[in-house]
Amino acid sequence: MVLRIAGLLAWGLCCAPAAVAAGQSARPSCDEQSIEQALAALFPGSDWGDDCHLDADEPIACLRPVRRGGLSGFLPRSTARCTALPGGLALIGFELYLSEARQPRLDARPDRIPFDDRPYKIVSVVLYDLGKKRFVRRLDGFPLEENGWLCQGDVCSEIGLAAVEPAGGLGGCRFAAVDHLRGMLRYRRFYRICAQDVRALGDAVQVGEIGGQSGCSARAEARLDLDPSGAARSIRTVTCDASPECRELTACGREQRTDLAPLETAVRDRGEAAKLGGKRGLRLQWIEGRPGKAEVKKGADGLYRISGRQQDGKGNFLHLEGVLREIGARSFVLEGRIVTRIDHIAKGYTCVRDGKLSFHRRGKRPYWRLQQIDNPCDKVADYVDVLLRP
């Protein structure tokens, strides 16, 4: 099953640029040439060609080689999506097919891949300045590396992009909606874009089919609304059929209104935030040698972000990245992902933890340790430590 970025019309989102009213600035163009130039700029050293394969014998257009996190592979042109925003900006979504092969693998056909060299599929969304031709930032919550970056059976990480104009006006900023799948459930998250400052508005809300195994055919939709003060909220409505099973679903025909405050790191202990900020060490007990490097930065949007990596010369690595949702006394909560690859664990395959992950610093120990120590891919315990000292 090939991972596809869903067409926006299928998501109930509009992909065509809106008509520009008199007095408004024109949106930049998401034409084919602009998209290809932007993607090539995101992956220096890559070129466009027509020698890649997904699930058919016919070759497809692709960007290759692309490299990320020690992996290499290609970006199929058919999976790229773009929606233009005012001010020369655009949201660009794409997917990558990567492997651990020394030479970039350009063939993802299942019958052509050795079992021990299966490709990883990664979906990402970035904000890009089409006018200045430069990357601005990734959207919080991406890239998606669900299920070990694999598309298993019919469960894939699909994505839809759309610029949206909420009821009540724009309030001096622009807004976008991003849809994606988590398992069999579809979620929508709204983003506020003021100049080049991008903030996720609250958590994702479930949309699409929600009846599940109840026998009720029910569908949820979510739209964005602004009140006169500029505060944002999502309005989620559920439409159900007339079956008896739907009578048991209390959400049918109702509106659920949720305030969407911009995500900021909740700093409950400023002293701990001061200890955590800046350059830190990063360590996984399976990797020999010196600790890796991590860095915690506070952005202009009030979010603390962390990224770091440890690796050795044998292909083993630890990669950590995400936003800090909370910093408390001797603790912090990471919303992001931890990726590990150890040659003697999980048959040497890459393993991913994602979501909200807790770290604690106990007693006089000079590190914050991941509390979810059980490796989700093998029966071992991982000690992932963010060190006080760089």
Protein backbone atom coordinates (compact mmCIF):
# COMPACT_ATOMS: atom_id res chain seq x y z
CA MET A 1 0.00 0.00 0.00
CA VAL A 2 1.55 3.28 -1.09
CA LEU A 3 1.38 6.23 1.26
CA ARG A 4 -0.47 9.06 -0.45
CA ILE A 5 -1.08 12.67 0.48
CA ALA A 6 -4.84 12.92 0.13
CA GLY A 7 -6.39 15.31 -2.35
CA LEU A 8 -7.87 18.25 -0.49
CA LEU A 9 -11.30 17.98 -2.01
CA ALA A 10 -11.57 14.47 -0.58
CA TRP A 11 -10.94 15.95 2.86
CA GLY A 12 -13.59 18.60 2.49
CA LEU A 13 -10.84 21.22 2.22
CA CYS A 14 -10.34 23.51 -0.72
CA CYS A 15 -7.08 23.37 -2.61
CA ALA A 16 -7.65 26.09 -5.22
CA PRO A 17 -6.48 29.62 -4.38
CA ALA A 18 -9.34 31.90 -3.43
CA ALA A 19 -10.19 34.82 -5.65
CA VAL A 20 -8.29 37.96 -4.66
CA ALA A 21 -10.58 40.79 -3.71
CA ALA A 22 -9.85 44.39 -4.61
CA GLY A 23 -7.23 45.88 -2.32
CA GLN A 24 -5.88 42.50 -1.20
CA SER A 25 -2.38 41.29 -2.04
CA ALA A 26 -2.16 38.40 -4.47
CA ARG A 27 -1.09 35.06 -3.12
CA PRO A 28 2.16 33.57 -4.40
CA SER A 29 1.82 30.88 -6.99
CA CYS A 30 1.93 27.20 -6.07
CA ASP A 31 2.73 26.29 -9.67
CA GLU A 32 4.73 23.20 -10.52
CA GLN A 33 8.00 25.07 -11.03
CA SER A 34 7.75 26.88 -7.68
CA ILE A 35 7.03 23.64 -5.82
CA GLU A 36 9.94 21.84 -7.43
CA GLN A 37 12.33 24.72 -6.69
CA ALA A 38 11.19 24.87 -3.06
CA LEU A 39 11.59 21.14 -2.49
CA ALA A 40 15.03 21.10 -4.11
CA ALA A 41 16.07 23.96 -1.81
CA LEU A 42 14.93 21.93 1.22
CA PHE A 43 17.27 19.08 0.28
CA PRO A 44 20.60 20.50 -0.98
CA GLY A 45 22.51 18.21 -3.28
CA SER A 46 19.38 16.63 -4.75
CA ASP A 47 18.09 16.79 -8.32
CA TRP A 48 14.84 16.03 -10.09
CA GLY A 49 14.72 12.95 -12.27
CA ASP A 50 12.34 10.28 -13.56
CA ASP A 51 14.04 7.09 -12.39
CA CYS A 52 12.19 6.25 -9.14
CA HIS A 53 9.57 3.55 -8.49
CA LEU A 54 6.77 3.20 -5.95
CA ASP A 55 4.32 0.36 -6.62
CA ALA A 56 4.40 0.08 -10.41
CA ASP A 57 6.97 -0.78 -13.07
CA GLU A 58 6.61 2.60 -14.73
CA PRO A 59 9.20 5.08 -13.38
CA ILE A 60 7.98 8.30 -11.76
CA ALA A 61 9.34 11.81 -11.32
CA CYS A 62 11.18 12.26 -8.05
CA LEU A 63 13.69 14.36 -6.14
CA ARG A 64 16.81 12.31 -5.34
CA PRO A 65 18.82 11.66 -3.37
CA VAL A 66 17.22 13.15 -0.27
CA ARG A 67 18.85 12.63 3.12
CA ARG A 68 17.44 12.85 6.62
CA GLY A 69 18.63 11.53 9.96
CA GLY A 70 21.21 9.12 8.53
CA LEU A 71 18.75 7.73 5.96
CA SER A 72 18.60 8.41 2.22
CA GLY A 73 16.09 7.92 -0.57
CA PHE A 74 13.68 9.94 -2.70
CA LEU A 75 10.67 12.27 -2.70
CA PRO A 76 7.95 11.37 -5.27
CA ARG A 77 6.79 14.46 -7.15
CA SER A 78 3.21 13.17 -7.20
CA THR A 79 2.98 13.36 -3.39
CA ALA A 80 3.86 17.05 -3.05
CA ARG A 81 1.05 19.45 -2.09
CA CYS A 82 1.12 23.22 -1.75
CA THR A 83 -1.33 25.85 -0.59
CA ALA A 84 -0.46 29.53 -0.96
CA LEU A 85 -0.81 32.15 1.76
CA PRO A 86 -0.62 35.93 1.55
CA GLY A 87 2.75 37.59 2.03
CA GLY A 88 4.68 35.30 -0.30
CA LEU A 89 4.33 32.28 1.99
CA ALA A 90 3.10 28.76 1.31
CA LEU A 91 2.50 25.53 3.16
CA ILE A 92 4.17 22.60 1.41
CA GLY A 93 3.45 18.99 2.30
CA PHE A 94 5.42 16.03 0.99
CA GLU A 95 6.42 12.47 1.78
CA LEU A 96 9.81 10.79 1.75
CA TYR A 97 10.77 7.18 1.03
CA LEU A 98 14.03 6.47 2.85
CA SER A 99 16.19 3.47 3.70
CA GLU A 100 19.37 2.63 5.57
CA ALA A 101 21.11 1.44 2.39
CA ARG A 102 24.54 2.95 1.81
CA GLN A 103 23.56 3.92 -1.71
CA PRO A 104 20.25 5.86 -1.93
CA ARG A 105 17.51 3.40 -2.85
CA LEU A 106 15.18 4.75 -5.55
CA ASP A 107 12.87 1.73 -5.74
CA ALA A 108 10.10 1.22 -3.13
CA ARG A 109 8.30 -1.64 -4.90
CA PRO A 110 7.61 -4.31 -2.26
CA ASP A 111 8.81 -7.18 -4.46
CA ARG A 112 12.14 -5.46 -5.14
CA ILE A 113 13.16 -4.66 -1.55
CA PRO A 114 15.15 -7.02 0.66
CA PHE A 115 13.34 -7.74 3.92
CA ASP A 116 16.16 -6.19 5.95
CA ASP A 117 16.13 -2.98 3.88
CA ARG A 118 12.47 -1.95 3.94
CA PRO A 119 11.85 1.75 3.20
CA TYR A 120 10.65 4.25 5.77
CA LYS A 121 7.86 6.66 4.89
CA ILE A 122 7.87 10.12 6.43
CA VAL A 123 5.28 12.87 5.95
CA SER A 124 6.14 16.50 6.66
CA VAL A 125 4.62 19.97 6.32
CA VAL A 126 6.74 23.13 6.20
CA LEU A 127 6.18 26.86 5.89
CA TYR A 128 8.16 28.17 2.93
CA ASP A 129 8.76 31.70 1.65
CA LEU A 130 8.16 31.46 -2.09
CA GLY A 131 9.15 35.09 -2.67
CA LYS A 132 12.53 34.86 -0.91
CA LYS A 133 12.92 31.17 -1.77
CA ARG A 134 13.81 30.03 1.72
CA PHE A 135 12.60 27.61 4.37
CA VAL A 136 10.87 29.27 7.34
CA ARG A 137 10.03 26.40 9.69
CA ARG A 138 8.28 23.07 10.08
CA LEU A 139 4.79 23.01 11.49
CA ASP A 140 4.55 21.72 15.04
CA GLY A 141 3.42 18.11 14.99
CA PHE A 142 5.39 17.21 11.86
CA PRO A 143 7.06 15.20 10.46
CA LEU A 144 4.80 12.22 11.05
CA GLU A 145 6.75 9.06 11.73
CA GLU A 146 3.88 6.84 12.79
CA ASN A 147 4.21 3.07 13.15
CA GLY A 148 7.95 3.10 12.71
CA TRP A 149 7.55 5.32 9.65
CA LEU A 150 5.81 2.45 7.90
CA CYS A 151 2.48 2.29 6.12
CA GLN A 152 1.00 -0.96 7.41
CA GLY A 153 -1.93 -2.49 5.54
CA ASP A 154 -4.49 0.20 4.79
CA VAL A 155 -3.39 2.43 7.69
CA CYS A 156 -1.29 5.34 6.42
CA SER A 157 -0.51 8.91 7.46
CA GLU A 158 -2.47 10.91 4.91
CA ILE A 159 -2.41 14.68 4.92
CA GLY A 160 -4.46 17.56 3.54
CA LEU A 161 -3.61 21.28 3.49
CA ALA A 162 -5.83 24.33 3.15
CA ALA A 163 -5.78 28.02 3.83
CA VAL A 164 -8.94 28.92 5.74
CA GLU A 165 -10.77 32.16 6.44
CA PRO A 166 -12.59 31.80 9.76
CA ALA A 167 -16.00 33.23 10.52
CA GLY A 168 -15.49 36.63 12.07
CA GLY A 169 -12.63 37.67 9.79
CA LEU A 170 -8.89 37.17 9.89
CA GLY A 171 -7.88 39.43 12.78
CA GLY A 172 -4.73 40.60 11.02
CA CYS A 173 -3.32 37.07 10.60
CA ARG A 174 -3.80 34.12 8.29
CA PHE A 175 -4.98 30.63 9.20
CA ALA A 176 -4.50 27.14 7.85
CA ALA A 177 -5.96 23.70 8.51
CA VAL A 178 -3.94 20.49 8.31
CA ASP A 179 -5.62 17.08 8.33
CA HIS A 180 -3.86 13.78 8.98
CA LEU A 181 -4.60 10.20 9.95
CA ARG A 182 -3.55 8.55 13.20
CA GLY A 183 -4.27 4.87 12.89
CA MET A 184 -7.80 4.76 11.47
CA LEU A 185 -8.81 8.14 12.94
CA ARG A 186 -8.62 11.45 11.11
CA TYR A 187 -7.68 14.67 12.89
CA ARG A 188 -7.62 18.35 12.00
CA ARG A 189 -5.37 20.96 13.54
CA PHE A 190 -5.56 24.69 12.96
CA TYR A 191 -2.55 27.00 12.70
CA ARG A 192 -2.30 30.79 12.99
CA ILE A 193 0.27 32.52 10.80
CA CYS A 194 1.16 36.14 11.57
CA ALA A 195 3.93 37.26 9.22
CA GLN A 196 6.39 34.37 9.69
CA ASP A 197 5.29 33.46 13.22
CA VAL A 198 3.41 30.15 13.11
CA ARG A 199 1.51 28.84 16.11
CA ALA A 200 -0.52 25.68 16.45
CA LEU A 201 -3.94 26.47 17.91
CA GLY A 202 -4.75 23.91 20.58
CA ASP A 203 -4.72 20.19 19.99
CA ALA A 204 -6.03 18.38 16.94
CA VAL A 205 -9.76 17.57 16.81
CA GLN A 206 -11.19 14.39 15.34
CA VAL A 207 -13.06 14.75 12.04
CA GLY A 208 -14.37 12.43 9.35
CA GLU A 209 -16.14 9.13 10.01
CA ILE A 210 -16.58 8.56 13.75
CA GLY A 211 -19.26 5.85 13.91
CA GLY A 212 -16.70 3.06 14.11
CA GLN A 213 -18.12 -0.36 14.95
CA SER A 214 -21.31 1.00 16.49
CA GLY A 215 -23.25 0.60 13.24
CA CYS A 216 -24.02 4.32 13.16
CA SER A 217 -22.94 6.28 10.10
CA ALA A 218 -21.71 9.54 11.64
CA ARG A 219 -19.38 12.18 10.30
CA ALA A 220 -17.68 15.05 12.15
CA GLU A 221 -16.52 18.34 10.67
CA ALA A 222 -14.61 21.18 12.29
CA ARG A 223 -14.38 24.82 11.27
CA LEU A 224 -12.59 27.83 12.69
CA ASP A 225 -14.28 30.85 14.24
CA LEU A 226 -12.97 34.18 15.60
CA ASP A 227 -14.75 36.36 18.10
CA PRO A 228 -14.52 40.21 17.93
CA SER A 229 -11.46 40.16 20.24
CA GLY A 230 -9.58 37.87 17.84
CA ALA A 231 -9.74 34.76 20.07
CA ALA A 232 -9.99 31.55 18.04
CA ARG A 233 -12.20 28.55 18.64
CA SER A 234 -13.07 25.42 16.74
CA ILE A 235 -16.70 24.50 16.11
CA ARG A 236 -17.15 20.77 15.62
CA THR A 237 -20.43 19.38 14.35
CA VAL A 238 -21.53 15.76 13.98
CA THR A 239 -24.00 14.61 11.31
CA CYS A 240 -25.61 11.19 11.75
CA ASP A 241 -27.93 8.94 9.77
CA ALA A 242 -31.39 7.90 10.98
CA SER A 243 -30.41 4.40 12.14
CA PRO A 244 -31.34 3.20 15.65
CA GLU A 245 -27.63 2.85 16.46
CA CYS A 246 -27.14 6.59 16.00
CA ARG A 247 -29.67 7.36 18.72
CA GLU A 248 -27.11 6.11 21.22
CA LEU A 249 -24.47 8.54 19.97
CA THR A 250 -25.06 11.66 22.08
CA ALA A 251 -22.91 13.87 19.82
CA CYS A 252 -25.35 13.64 16.89
CA GLY A 253 -26.64 17.01 15.73
CA ARG A 254 -24.69 18.95 18.37
CA GLU A 255 -22.04 21.64 18.14
CA GLN A 256 -18.93 21.38 20.28
CA ARG A 257 -17.09 24.68 20.75
CA THR A 258 -13.48 24.60 21.94
CA ASP A 259 -11.28 27.61 22.66
CA LEU A 260 -8.01 27.34 20.76
CA ALA A 261 -5.26 29.19 22.60
CA PRO A 262 -1.88 29.31 20.85
CA LEU A 263 0.34 26.57 22.20
CA GLU A 264 2.98 27.83 24.60
CA THR A 265 5.23 25.99 26.99
CA ALA A 266 3.71 26.00 30.47
CA VAL A 267 6.67 27.02 32.65
CA ARG A 268 5.77 26.03 36.21
CA ASP A 269 9.35 26.25 37.51
CA ARG A 270 11.47 29.07 36.08
CA GLY A 271 14.60 27.75 37.79
CA GLU A 272 14.19 24.41 36.04
CA ALA A 273 13.64 26.18 32.71
CA ALA A 274 16.92 28.05 33.22
CA LYS A 275 18.74 24.76 33.91
CA LEU A 276 17.22 23.12 30.86
CA GLY A 277 17.74 25.94 28.35
CA GLY A 278 20.78 26.02 26.08
CA LYS A 279 23.16 23.28 25.01
CA ARG A 280 22.90 19.94 26.77
CA GLY A 281 24.28 16.43 26.45
CA LEU A 282 22.21 13.51 25.14
CA ARG A 283 22.78 9.85 25.94
CA LEU A 284 21.38 6.37 25.31
CA GLN A 285 23.07 3.58 27.27
CA TRP A 286 23.41 1.30 24.23
CA ILE A 287 25.60 3.77 22.31
CA GLU A 288 29.28 3.69 23.24
CA GLY A 289 31.54 6.72 23.28
CA ARG A 290 30.90 10.34 24.10
CA PRO A 291 27.37 11.67 24.72
CA GLY A 292 25.62 13.37 21.87
CA LYS A 293 24.52 16.98 21.71
CA ALA A 294 21.11 18.54 22.32
CA GLU A 295 19.88 22.11 22.46
CA VAL A 296 16.81 23.69 24.03
CA LYS A 297 15.67 27.05 22.63
CA LYS A 298 12.76 29.31 23.47
CA GLY A 299 11.08 30.73 20.38
CA ALA A 300 9.33 34.05 19.90
CA ASP A 301 6.04 32.13 20.05
CA GLY A 302 6.66 31.14 23.67
CA LEU A 303 7.43 27.49 22.86
CA TYR A 304 10.57 25.78 24.04
CA ARG A 305 11.91 23.38 21.41
CA ILE A 306 14.51 20.66 21.76
CA SER A 307 16.54 18.74 19.20
CA GLY A 308 19.52 16.48 19.60
CA ARG A 309 21.40 13.45 18.33
CA GLN A 310 23.89 10.83 19.51
CA GLN A 311 25.51 8.34 17.15
CA ASP A 312 28.50 6.07 16.79
CA GLY A 313 30.49 4.74 13.86
CA LYS A 314 28.41 1.55 13.61
CA GLY A 315 25.15 3.09 12.42
CA ASN A 316 23.58 3.19 15.88
CA PHE A 317 21.90 6.46 16.78
CA LEU A 318 19.49 8.32 19.05
CA HIS A 319 17.51 11.24 17.62
CA LEU A 320 15.22 13.46 19.69
CA GLU A 321 13.13 16.46 18.65
CA GLY A 322 9.91 18.27 19.52
CA VAL A 323 8.36 20.99 21.64
CA LEU A 324 8.23 21.15 25.42
CA ARG A 325 4.61 21.38 26.52
CA GLU A 326 5.45 21.79 30.23
CA ILE A 327 8.48 22.47 32.41
CA GLY A 328 7.98 21.68 36.10
CA ALA A 329 10.04 21.00 39.17
CA ARG A 330 12.73 18.55 38.03
CA SER A 331 10.68 17.53 35.00
CA PHE A 332 9.52 18.41 31.53
CA VAL A 333 7.03 17.01 29.00
CA LEU A 334 8.15 16.60 25.40
CA GLU A 335 5.64 16.46 22.56
CA GLY A 336 7.58 15.07 19.66
CA ARG A 337 9.51 11.96 18.78
CA ILE A 338 12.45 9.86 19.85
CA VAL A 339 14.02 7.70 17.17
CA THR A 340 16.57 4.99 17.97
CA ARG A 341 18.46 2.43 15.95
CA ILE A 342 20.63 -0.15 17.76
CA ASP A 343 22.12 -3.05 15.81
CA HIS A 344 21.26 -5.74 18.39
CA ILE A 345 17.75 -4.48 19.26
CA ALA A 346 14.59 -5.01 17.15
CA LYS A 347 16.73 -6.81 14.54
CA GLY A 348 18.55 -3.54 13.89
CA TYR A 349 15.44 -1.73 12.65
CA THR A 350 14.73 1.89 13.46
CA CYS A 351 12.27 2.33 16.35
CA VAL A 352 10.09 5.38 16.99
CA ARG A 353 8.37 6.75 20.07
CA ASP A 354 6.10 9.73 19.50
CA GLY A 355 3.47 11.76 21.31
CA LYS A 356 3.82 13.18 24.82
CA LEU A 357 6.89 11.86 26.63
CA SER A 358 7.89 12.66 30.22
CA PHE A 359 11.40 13.30 31.57
CA HIS A 360 12.32 13.51 35.28
CA ARG A 361 15.46 14.50 37.20
CA ARG A 362 15.68 12.67 40.54
CA GLY A 363 17.78 13.54 43.58
CA LYS A 364 21.27 14.75 42.68
CA ARG A 365 21.38 12.93 39.36
CA PRO A 366 22.77 15.25 36.63
CA TYR A 367 20.21 14.33 33.97
CA TRP A 368 16.53 14.20 33.05
CA ARG A 369 15.55 10.61 32.16
CA LEU A 370 12.75 9.48 29.86
CA GLN A 371 10.05 7.79 31.96
CA GLN A 372 8.62 5.66 29.13
CA ILE A 373 11.69 3.39 29.23
CA ASP A 374 10.12 0.29 27.61
CA ASN A 375 11.30 -0.01 24.02
CA PRO A 376 8.10 -0.30 21.87
CA CYS A 377 9.91 -2.49 19.32
CA ASP A 378 11.67 -5.02 21.56
CA LYS A 379 11.68 -6.34 25.13
CA VAL A 380 14.40 -4.06 26.48
CA ALA A 381 14.58 -0.85 28.51
CA ASP A 382 16.07 2.32 26.98
CA TYR A 383 17.62 4.94 29.25
CA VAL A 384 17.33 8.16 27.24
CA ASP A 385 18.95 10.98 29.23
CA VAL A 386 19.16 14.71 28.63
CA LEU A 387 22.27 15.75 30.54
CA LEU A 388 22.74 18.89 32.60
CA ARG A 389 26.23 19.34 31.15
CA PRO A 390 26.79 19.76 27.39
